[in-house]
Protein backbone atom coordinates (compact mmCIF):
# COMPACT_ATOMS: atom_id res chain seq x y z
CA MET A 1 -0.04 0.04 -0.04
CA GLN A 2 1.59 3.29 -0.99
CA PRO A 3 1.85 6.13 1.67
CA PRO A 4 -0.77 9.12 0.67
CA LYS A 5 0.93 11.74 -1.20
CA ALA A 6 1.41 15.06 0.56
CA THR A 7 -0.81 17.80 -1.12
CA SER A 8 -0.79 21.60 -1.42
CA ASP A 9 -4.09 22.16 -0.40
CA ALA A 10 -4.28 26.17 -0.09
CA THR A 11 -6.70 25.95 2.79
CA SER A 12 -3.85 24.76 5.27
CA ASP A 13 -1.93 27.83 4.11
CA PRO A 14 -3.33 31.02 6.39
CA LEU A 15 -1.47 33.47 4.16
CA ALA A 16 -3.13 31.84 0.92
CA GLN A 17 -6.67 31.87 2.54
CA ALA A 18 -5.69 35.82 3.34
CA ARG A 19 -4.81 36.42 -0.25
CA GLU A 20 -8.17 35.42 -1.48
CA ILE A 21 -10.14 37.90 1.04
CA THR A 22 -11.63 41.31 0.16
CA VAL A 23 -11.86 43.71 2.80
CA THR A 24 -13.85 47.23 2.52
CA LEU A 25 -12.55 50.45 4.27
CA ARG A 26 -15.35 52.25 6.47
CA SER A 27 -16.83 55.11 4.42
CA ASP A 28 -17.91 56.85 7.60
CA LEU A 29 -14.33 57.72 9.12
CA LYS A 30 -13.10 61.28 9.07
CA VAL A 31 -9.69 61.45 8.54
CA SER A 32 -7.34 64.71 9.25
CA ARG A 33 -3.50 65.07 8.13
CA GLN A 34 -1.76 66.65 11.31
CA VAL A 35 1.74 67.19 12.38
CA TYR A 36 3.00 64.98 15.88
CA GLN A 37 6.16 65.59 17.29
CA GLY A 38 7.49 67.45 13.73
CA HIS A 39 6.21 64.52 11.68
CA PRO A 40 3.27 64.02 9.24
CA VAL A 41 0.58 61.91 10.72
CA TYR A 42 -2.78 61.05 9.93
CA VAL A 43 -5.82 61.38 12.53
CA ILE A 44 -8.86 59.07 11.70
CA HIS A 45 -11.41 59.68 13.81
CA ASP A 46 -14.19 56.81 14.26
CA PRO A 47 -18.11 58.34 14.44
CA VAL A 48 -19.48 55.31 15.95
CA SER A 49 -16.86 54.59 18.81
CA PHE A 50 -15.80 58.20 19.34
CA ARG A 51 -11.92 56.94 19.05
CA THR A 52 -9.18 58.45 17.01
CA HIS A 53 -6.47 56.64 15.65
CA ARG A 54 -3.35 57.87 14.71
CA LEU A 55 -1.24 56.42 11.72
CA SER A 56 1.94 57.17 9.99
CA VAL A 57 1.91 58.49 6.58
CA PHE A 58 2.81 54.73 5.36
CA GLN A 59 0.27 53.02 7.52
CA TYR A 60 -2.55 55.67 5.42
CA ARG A 61 -1.15 55.12 2.43
CA VAL A 62 -1.74 51.06 2.67
CA LEU A 63 -5.26 51.58 4.59
CA ALA A 64 -5.90 53.82 1.71
CA ALA A 65 -5.12 52.05 -1.26
CA ILE A 66 -7.58 49.15 -0.28
CA ASP A 67 -9.98 48.51 -3.15
CA PRO A 68 -12.88 46.30 -2.02
CA ALA A 69 -13.36 45.18 -5.86
CA ILE A 70 -9.83 43.22 -5.82
CA GLU A 71 -8.71 40.55 -3.17
CA LEU A 72 -5.86 41.37 -0.95
CA GLY A 73 -3.40 39.59 -2.62
CA GLU A 74 -3.96 41.98 -6.01
CA ASN A 75 -4.16 44.78 -3.49
CA PHE A 76 -0.34 43.79 -2.04
CA GLN A 77 0.82 42.96 -5.65
CA ALA A 78 -0.41 46.49 -6.37
CA LEU A 79 1.51 48.31 -3.74
CA VAL A 80 4.64 46.00 -4.73
CA ALA A 81 4.17 48.04 -8.36
CA LYS A 82 3.92 51.46 -6.46
CA GLN A 83 7.21 50.43 -4.32
CA GLU A 84 5.55 50.46 -1.23
CA PHE A 85 6.53 46.93 -0.32
CA ASP A 86 9.18 44.45 -1.70
CA SER A 87 7.60 40.97 -3.09
CA ASP A 88 9.20 39.26 -0.12
CA GLU A 89 7.06 41.64 2.75
CA GLU A 90 3.66 39.77 2.31
CA GLU A 91 3.56 39.21 6.00
CA ILE A 92 4.41 42.79 6.91
CA TYR A 93 1.28 43.90 4.77
CA PHE A 94 -1.00 41.41 6.15
CA GLU A 95 0.00 42.16 9.77
CA LEU A 96 -1.09 45.80 8.70
CA ILE A 97 -4.24 44.44 7.40
CA THR A 98 -5.17 42.60 10.58
CA SER A 99 -3.96 45.53 12.87
CA PHE A 100 -6.93 47.84 10.63
CA ALA A 101 -9.27 45.64 11.57
CA LYS A 102 -9.06 45.24 15.24
CA LEU A 103 -8.83 48.98 15.26
CA GLY A 104 -12.51 48.78 13.30
CA LEU A 105 -11.15 50.40 10.37
CA ILE A 106 -11.98 48.02 7.69
CA VAL A 107 -14.95 45.34 7.55
CA MET A 108 -13.57 42.04 6.44
CA PRO A 109 -15.83 39.01 6.19
CA GLN A 110 -16.49 36.64 9.22
CA THR A 111 -17.26 32.84 8.62
CA ASN A 112 -16.30 31.69 11.76
CA GLY A 113 -20.17 31.06 13.40
CA ALA A 114 -18.85 30.57 16.76
CA LYS A 115 -16.87 33.58 16.86
CA LEU A 116 -19.89 35.43 15.77
CA PHE A 117 -21.85 33.98 18.48
CA GLU A 118 -19.00 35.18 21.14
CA GLN A 119 -19.29 38.61 19.51
CA HIS A 120 -23.10 38.85 19.70
CA ASN A 121 -23.10 37.89 23.37
CA LYS A 122 -20.54 40.46 24.15
CA VAL A 123 -22.81 43.20 22.43
CA ARG A 124 -25.58 42.16 24.26
CA ALA A 125 -23.74 42.25 27.54
CA MET A 126 -22.38 45.85 26.76
CA LYS A 127 -25.88 46.98 25.91
CA ARG A 128 -27.25 45.49 29.77
CA ARG A 129 -24.61 47.29 31.37
CA GLY A 130 -25.41 50.41 29.09
CA LYS A 131 -28.66 50.41 30.37
CA PHE A 132 -28.13 50.09 33.94
CA LEU A 133 -25.70 52.64 33.69
CA GLY A 134 -28.02 55.16 31.53
CA VAL A 135 -30.18 55.12 34.63
CA LEU A 136 -27.62 56.95 36.68
CA PHE A 137 -25.95 59.10 33.87
CA LEU A 138 -28.75 59.73 31.44
CA GLN A 139 -28.06 61.79 28.35
CA VAL A 140 -30.66 63.92 27.12
CA PRO A 141 -29.96 66.02 23.83
CA LEU A 142 -31.92 69.30 23.70
CA VAL A 143 -30.84 71.50 21.25
CA ASN A 144 -28.58 72.58 18.14
CA PRO A 145 -26.45 75.48 19.27
CA ASP A 146 -24.49 76.06 16.18
CA ARG A 147 -26.78 78.54 15.08
CA PHE A 148 -26.44 80.34 18.10
CA LEU A 149 -22.96 80.11 18.80
CA THR A 150 -22.10 80.76 15.48
CA ARG A 151 -24.15 84.39 15.72
CA THR A 152 -22.53 85.06 18.86
CA VAL A 153 -18.70 83.95 18.58
CA GLY A 154 -17.60 87.36 17.09
CA LYS A 155 -18.65 88.99 20.02
CA GLY A 156 -16.40 86.99 22.28
CA SER A 157 -13.43 85.92 19.85
CA TRP A 158 -11.03 88.30 21.34
CA LEU A 159 -10.98 86.25 24.19
CA PHE A 160 -8.98 83.48 22.32
CA THR A 161 -6.14 86.12 20.77
CA ARG A 162 -3.10 86.28 22.45
CA THR A 163 -3.18 89.58 23.67
CA PHE A 164 -6.11 88.65 26.28
CA LEU A 165 -4.08 85.50 26.70
CA VAL A 166 -1.43 87.49 28.55
CA VAL A 167 -3.61 89.41 30.35
CA TRP A 168 -5.66 86.01 31.35
CA LEU A 169 -2.36 85.03 32.71
CA ILE A 170 -1.47 88.20 34.67
CA GLY A 171 -4.94 88.15 36.21
CA LEU A 172 -4.45 84.14 37.23
CA ALA A 173 -0.81 84.97 38.85
CA LEU A 174 -2.59 88.15 41.04
CA ALA A 175 -5.24 86.22 42.05
CA GLY A 176 -2.99 83.43 42.91
CA PHE A 177 -1.30 85.77 45.06
CA VAL A 178 -4.08 86.90 46.96
CA ILE A 179 -5.22 83.85 47.45
CA VAL A 180 -1.89 82.75 49.03
CA SER A 181 -1.71 85.50 51.01
CA ARG A 182 -5.06 85.43 52.64
CA PHE A 183 -5.34 81.62 52.57
CA SER A 184 -6.60 81.02 56.32
CA ASP A 185 -9.16 83.86 55.57
CA LEU A 186 -10.53 81.93 52.44
CA VAL A 187 -10.48 78.42 53.89
CA GLN A 188 -12.09 79.44 57.68
CA PRO A 189 -15.70 79.88 56.17
CA LEU A 190 -15.39 76.62 54.28
CA ASN A 191 -16.26 74.58 57.26
CA GLY A 192 -19.67 75.50 57.28
CA ILE A 193 -20.43 75.46 53.27
CA LEU A 194 -22.17 72.17 52.90
CA ALA A 195 -24.72 73.42 55.64
CA THR A 196 -28.36 72.29 55.03
CA LYS A 197 -29.62 76.25 54.26
CA ASN A 198 -26.59 76.15 51.82
CA LEU A 199 -27.42 73.32 49.52
CA PRO A 200 -29.93 75.03 47.23
CA PHE A 201 -27.80 77.76 46.07
CA LEU A 202 -24.88 75.18 46.12
CA TRP A 203 -27.17 72.94 43.82
CA VAL A 204 -28.25 76.24 41.56
CA ALA A 205 -24.43 77.53 41.23
CA PHE A 206 -23.22 73.74 40.13
CA VAL A 207 -25.61 73.69 36.95
CA VAL A 208 -25.10 77.09 36.10
CA LEU A 209 -21.85 76.85 36.43
CA LYS A 210 -21.69 73.31 34.23
CA ILE A 211 -23.44 75.30 31.53
CA TRP A 212 -20.59 78.28 31.64
CA HIS A 213 -18.39 75.42 31.60
CA GLU A 214 -19.63 73.68 28.23
CA LEU A 215 -20.01 76.74 26.31
CA GLY A 216 -16.47 77.45 27.12
CA HIS A 217 -16.05 74.39 25.05
CA GLY A 218 -18.45 74.95 22.20
CA TYR A 219 -17.19 78.81 21.68
CA ALA A 220 -13.78 77.43 21.63
CA CYS A 221 -14.84 74.97 19.21
CA LYS A 222 -16.54 77.74 17.09
CA THR A 223 -13.73 80.25 17.19
CA PHE A 224 -11.32 78.05 15.45
CA GLY A 225 -13.63 77.07 12.74
CA GLY A 226 -15.58 73.81 13.94
CA PHE A 227 -18.83 72.99 14.86
CA VAL A 228 -20.95 72.27 17.53
CA PRO A 229 -24.36 70.33 16.39
CA GLU A 230 -25.57 69.20 19.63
CA MET A 231 -26.11 70.06 23.11
CA GLY A 232 -27.83 68.74 26.15
CA THR A 233 -27.91 67.32 29.70
CA ILE A 234 -26.60 64.48 31.51
CA LEU A 235 -28.53 63.56 34.64
CA ILE A 236 -25.77 62.61 36.94
CA ALA A 237 -27.79 60.76 39.73
CA GLY A 238 -30.65 62.85 39.46
CA THR A 239 -28.70 66.24 39.21
CA PRO A 240 -28.45 67.97 35.66
CA ALA A 241 -25.34 68.85 34.05
CA ALA A 242 -24.87 70.52 30.52
CA TYR A 243 -22.65 69.10 27.43
CA VAL A 244 -21.97 70.14 24.33
CA ASP A 245 -20.56 68.01 21.66
CA ALA A 246 -17.58 69.74 20.31
CA THR A 247 -15.58 66.61 18.81
CA SER A 248 -15.19 68.37 15.55
CA ALA A 249 -12.26 69.99 17.01
CA TRP A 250 -10.30 66.62 16.65
CA SER A 251 -10.06 67.40 12.90
CA PHE A 252 -8.09 70.81 13.73
CA PRO A 253 -4.33 70.46 12.20
CA GLU A 254 -2.93 72.96 14.80
CA ARG A 255 -2.46 70.92 18.39
CA ARG A 256 -2.90 74.44 20.37
CA ARG A 257 -6.39 75.02 19.05
CA ARG A 258 -7.32 71.50 19.71
CA LEU A 259 -5.90 71.98 23.13
CA ALA A 260 -7.68 75.32 23.50
CA VAL A 261 -10.97 73.75 22.95
CA MET A 262 -9.93 70.99 25.23
CA CYS A 263 -9.60 73.28 27.86
CA GLY A 264 -12.11 75.95 26.99
CA GLY A 265 -14.31 75.16 29.84
CA MET A 266 -11.71 75.67 32.46
CA PHE A 267 -10.80 78.84 30.64
CA PHE A 268 -14.37 79.94 31.10
CA GLU A 269 -14.66 79.23 34.84
CA SER A 270 -11.45 80.90 35.62
CA LEU A 271 -13.44 83.84 33.68
CA ILE A 272 -15.57 83.67 36.92
CA PHE A 273 -12.79 82.72 39.54
CA ILE A 274 -10.43 85.62 38.54
CA PRO A 275 -12.82 88.38 39.58
CA GLY A 276 -14.35 86.67 41.97
CA VAL A 277 -11.30 86.44 44.00
CA PHE A 278 -10.68 89.91 44.46
CA VAL A 279 -14.25 90.62 45.11
CA TRP A 280 -14.13 88.19 47.84
CA ALA A 281 -10.46 89.97 48.92
CA PHE A 282 -11.87 93.63 48.81
CA SER A 283 -15.48 93.71 49.31
CA SER A 284 -16.92 95.29 52.24
CA SER A 285 -20.47 93.03 52.03
CA PRO A 286 -20.11 89.87 54.14
CA MET A 287 -23.36 88.68 51.93
CA LEU A 288 -21.37 89.44 48.26
CA SER A 289 -17.68 87.63 49.96
């Protein structure tokens, strides 16, 4: 009896299987070219997961070259022809494709029923957790503030100029000096601040301050050319707290502008804090102080 001959079945070669796969680049991804540590990069924003991914120029060229009309093997050969890869770097290419799939940037065919069932169970578990957390953190969209911010942003754009930044830094330093020099006077009345009679005032102050904080993010975003499509409230254990959707700021090519939007809320709060320190320090009215 002759021993069975070895066969070169393509199904036993993972690389051969990968060559025959067709994948699709997600069309809803938002791409922005930026500079990171002195080098150009591409920042990809996923509007579904609200995650951003930073790719090198080479990685982005590989991603952008994906053609859903042809198999990955042909995609690789096309990149070899463009001298993006050498012909012996096919494994490196498929490692990149795998990393894109893990990040959710591409859609790959899924034939593994067991894995599909496992993913389905994970999604169901996440939904159950989401319902539980939704009771404690209920997000309620209320308005689209973009038109209002567009109409009014011109009146406050000077707040984000370099000249005002210098004035703000000086004011912040002086307020800090007043606090340090009169620190004992500042902390002495804080012991009774949580008295029952003060709670309604503190609750209202928190709500109003949070709205002002979120407007800081919104105005910063509009000042630098972004859009703010949503504003609403998050009920944190029954207490309303405002929020705005300023995620368009991720697409700003300049890092300082992205940081300005991120810090816009605290910046607006400081516009109340700095004069408040001087009112407290120099007012003769105990009520006002």
